C-alpha atoms as a PDB file:
ATOM      1  CA  MET A   1      -9.898  -1.360   3.057  1.00  0.00           C
ATOM      2  CA  ALA A   2      -8.354   0.638   0.210  1.00  0.00           C
ATOM      3  CA  GLN A   3      -5.069  -1.157   0.879  1.00  0.00           C
ATOM      4  CA  ALA A   4      -6.403  -4.573  -0.157  1.00  0.00           C
ATOM      5  CA  PRO A   5      -7.230  -3.694  -3.807  1.00  0.00           C
ATOM      6  CA  LEU A   6      -4.007  -1.734  -4.197  1.00  0.00           C
ATOM      7  CA  LYS A   7      -1.887  -4.616  -2.909  1.00  0.00           C
ATOM      8  CA  ALA A   8      -3.745  -7.077  -5.108  1.00  0.00           C
ATOM      9  CA  GLU A   9      -3.083  -4.905  -8.168  1.00  0.00           C
ATOM     10  CA  LYS A  10       0.691  -4.914  -7.723  1.00  0.00           C
ATOM     11  CA  PRO A  11       2.485  -6.678  -4.849  1.00  0.00           C
ATOM     12  CA  THR A  12       4.730  -3.935  -3.445  1.00  0.00           C
ATOM     13  CA  PRO A  13       7.185  -4.321  -0.556  1.00  0.00           C
ATOM     14  CA  ARG A  14       5.721  -3.854   2.920  1.00  0.00           C
ATOM     15  CA  ILE A  15       8.199  -1.044   3.624  1.00  0.00           C
ATOM     16  CA  LEU A  16       7.282   0.931   0.492  1.00  0.00           C
ATOM     17  CA  ASP A  17       3.579   0.276   1.087  1.00  0.00           C
ATOM     18  CA  ASP A  18       3.835   1.539   4.650  1.00  0.00           C
ATOM     19  CA  THR A  19       5.572   4.725   3.512  1.00  0.00           C
ATOM     20  CA  MET A  20       3.070   5.450   0.732  1.00  0.00           C
ATOM     21  CA  TYR A  21       0.098   4.793   3.001  1.00  0.00           C
ATOM     22  CA  SER A  22       1.694   6.846   5.746  1.00  0.00           C
ATOM     23  CA  GLU A  23       1.757   9.855   3.415  1.00  0.00           C
ATOM     24  CA  ILE A  24      -1.872   9.410   2.338  1.00  0.00           C
ATOM     25  CA  PRO A  25      -4.349   9.399   5.255  1.00  0.00           C
END
């Protein structure tokens, strides 16, 4: 659920988001 607030803050590309989230568990 931590992804929702982050995405709402700044709409980042799905690819970049996936990579960043992949690094952080």
